[in-house]
Amino acid sequence: MEYILHLFILICFYTLLSQSLNLSAGFTGLISLAHAGFYGIGAYTTAILSTQFGFSFWLSIPLAMFISGVISLIVSLIALRTVEDYFIICTMGIQVILSSIMNNWMDLTRGPLGIPGIPSISFFGITLDSKMSFLLLSLFFVALVWFVLRNVSKSGFGKTLLAISEDEIYSQSIGKNVYLSKTVSFTLSAMFAAIPGTLYAHYISYIDPTSFTVAESIFVLSIVIIGGLGNLTGSFLASAFLVLLPEALRFVGMPDNIAANMRQIIYGLILVAVMMTGKNGVKELFTSKAKRTA
């Protein structure tokens, strides 16, 4: 039962990451490979504040979001002046820089040694040290972020972002401030990415740079693509599928070493199929198939 709860918590983390990336990638069309870096900023901020200065989770999470937002704002002011393809490369470079800082700034991050002893979250004097209580907290943040992003997508600002993703030149021609809208979208996306970072740090109680690599950014982006760009519910479904896939392969009796490789093959095939059918993820894949068979 404990392991099942652990898997559900991981699904919540990846749902939060993919939902936050959907704000920039799905709503605005800004494909970023730096999301794991902002995720790591959230984790390292709360780890340093809690272990060295005694900050609680409830104080460190807004500070983590603020720091992630400031760094992403600086990045966006530079990266968004490039064209789309170069923006992706630029964000990958930022991810590499952030990973290098986590690995080499020994005085701050302890490098490959990581930061141990991150305390559990307390809520009105009650320590959330059980997996069930942590799952409930994670579900609360999933629902909160989903609610906020859902309302953003339906607002005037959200419609501007969608217009930019569809036709940037036309959006400029009707008076939309494309550069400002992209900057705000990218910054907010990074700020929301800090939330699962703080949760992850307190849940594992230890962090190191291996959790915040380029590979992790690619994995989160893949969740967004498989779930459907701009589809918040799809982010949850894709997160659940990709987290539970290895367990399903083990359940049918496949050895761990084969299951790991098979997971990558299945995951890659789905990603290729989704990319070939359109931006609406697996939903469009099945819709296209249904139309062909009708």
Foldseek 3Di string as FASTA:
>chain_A
DQVVLVLLLQLLLLLLLLLLQLLQCQLQVQQALQLLLLLQLLQLQLLCCCPPVNDALVVSLQVSLVVLLVVLLVLLVPLVVDDRVSSHVSRQVVNVVSLVCLQPVCVRQVHQVWRAQRAAHDDPNRGPQGSVSLSVVSVVLSVVSCVVVVVCCVDPLSVLSNVNNVPVVVSVVVPHPSSVSSSVSSSSSSSSSSVSSSSVCNNVRTDGSVSRHSVNSVVSSLLCQQLFRNRSVSSSVSSSCLSCQLVVCVVVPDDNVVSVVVSVVVSVVQSVLSVVQDRGHVVSSVVVVVVVVD
